[in-house]
Amino acid sequence: MKDEKDTKPEESITPLIDRKQAIKKAGYIALSSATMMMLLSKPTNAPAASPASLPLW
């Protein structure tokens, strides 16, 4: 009969990442959030970038 307390603690711990991988992930997160903030900060530029309407014949 096995209890839940008998499981090895190594099986339940998620693998740790090293410093280089952590810095890389933090860089990707910073880049994506900076891009999102830049896109959301100026909502008036989006309609200005749309093409002009076609002239009516």
Protein backbone atom coordinates (compact mmCIF):
# COMPACT_ATOMS: atom_id res chain seq x y z
CA MET A 1 0.00 0.00 0.00
CA LYS A 2 1.49 3.32 -1.12
CA ASP A 3 0.58 6.70 0.25
CA GLU A 4 1.06 9.99 -1.55
CA LYS A 5 3.79 10.81 0.96
CA ASP A 6 5.91 7.94 -0.39
CA THR A 7 6.48 9.58 -3.78
CA LYS A 8 9.91 10.93 -4.48
CA PRO A 9 10.20 14.71 -4.21
CA GLU A 10 12.25 14.85 -7.44
CA GLU A 11 9.23 13.72 -9.46
CA SER A 12 7.00 16.57 -8.34
CA ILE A 13 9.53 19.39 -8.80
CA THR A 14 9.59 21.08 -12.18
CA PRO A 15 13.00 21.23 -13.83
CA LEU A 16 14.91 24.44 -13.16
CA ILE A 17 16.36 26.55 -15.95
CA ASP A 18 19.80 28.10 -15.89
CA ARG A 19 20.62 31.82 -15.88
CA LYS A 20 21.16 32.07 -19.64
CA GLN A 21 17.76 30.58 -20.43
CA ALA A 22 16.07 32.81 -17.85
CA ILE A 23 17.62 35.96 -19.35
CA LYS A 24 16.58 34.83 -22.83
CA LYS A 25 12.96 34.25 -21.75
CA ALA A 26 12.88 37.58 -19.91
CA GLY A 27 14.15 39.31 -23.06
CA TYR A 28 11.40 37.78 -25.18
CA ILE A 29 8.77 38.81 -22.66
CA ALA A 30 10.16 42.36 -22.45
CA LEU A 31 10.25 42.67 -26.25
CA SER A 32 6.69 41.42 -26.70
CA SER A 33 5.29 43.64 -23.95
CA ALA A 34 7.14 46.70 -25.27
CA THR A 35 5.75 46.02 -28.75
CA MET A 36 2.23 45.62 -27.39
CA MET A 37 2.50 48.85 -25.40
CA MET A 38 3.75 50.68 -28.48
CA LEU A 39 0.88 49.39 -30.60
CA LEU A 40 -1.76 50.19 -27.99
CA SER A 41 -0.43 53.61 -27.02
CA LYS A 42 -1.40 55.38 -30.26
CA PRO A 43 -4.82 54.15 -31.42
CA THR A 44 -5.24 57.20 -33.69
CA ASN A 45 -2.45 56.02 -35.99
CA ALA A 46 -4.34 52.90 -37.06
CA PRO A 47 -7.13 54.71 -39.01
CA ALA A 48 -4.57 57.06 -40.55
CA ALA A 49 -2.66 54.10 -41.95
CA SER A 50 -5.70 52.62 -43.70
CA PRO A 51 -5.94 53.14 -47.46
CA ALA A 52 -8.07 55.96 -48.82
CA SER A 53 -11.55 55.08 -49.94
CA LEU A 54 -12.14 54.58 -53.63
CA PRO A 55 -13.78 57.47 -55.51
CA LEU A 56 -17.40 56.99 -56.44
CA TRP A 57 -17.96 56.86 -60.21
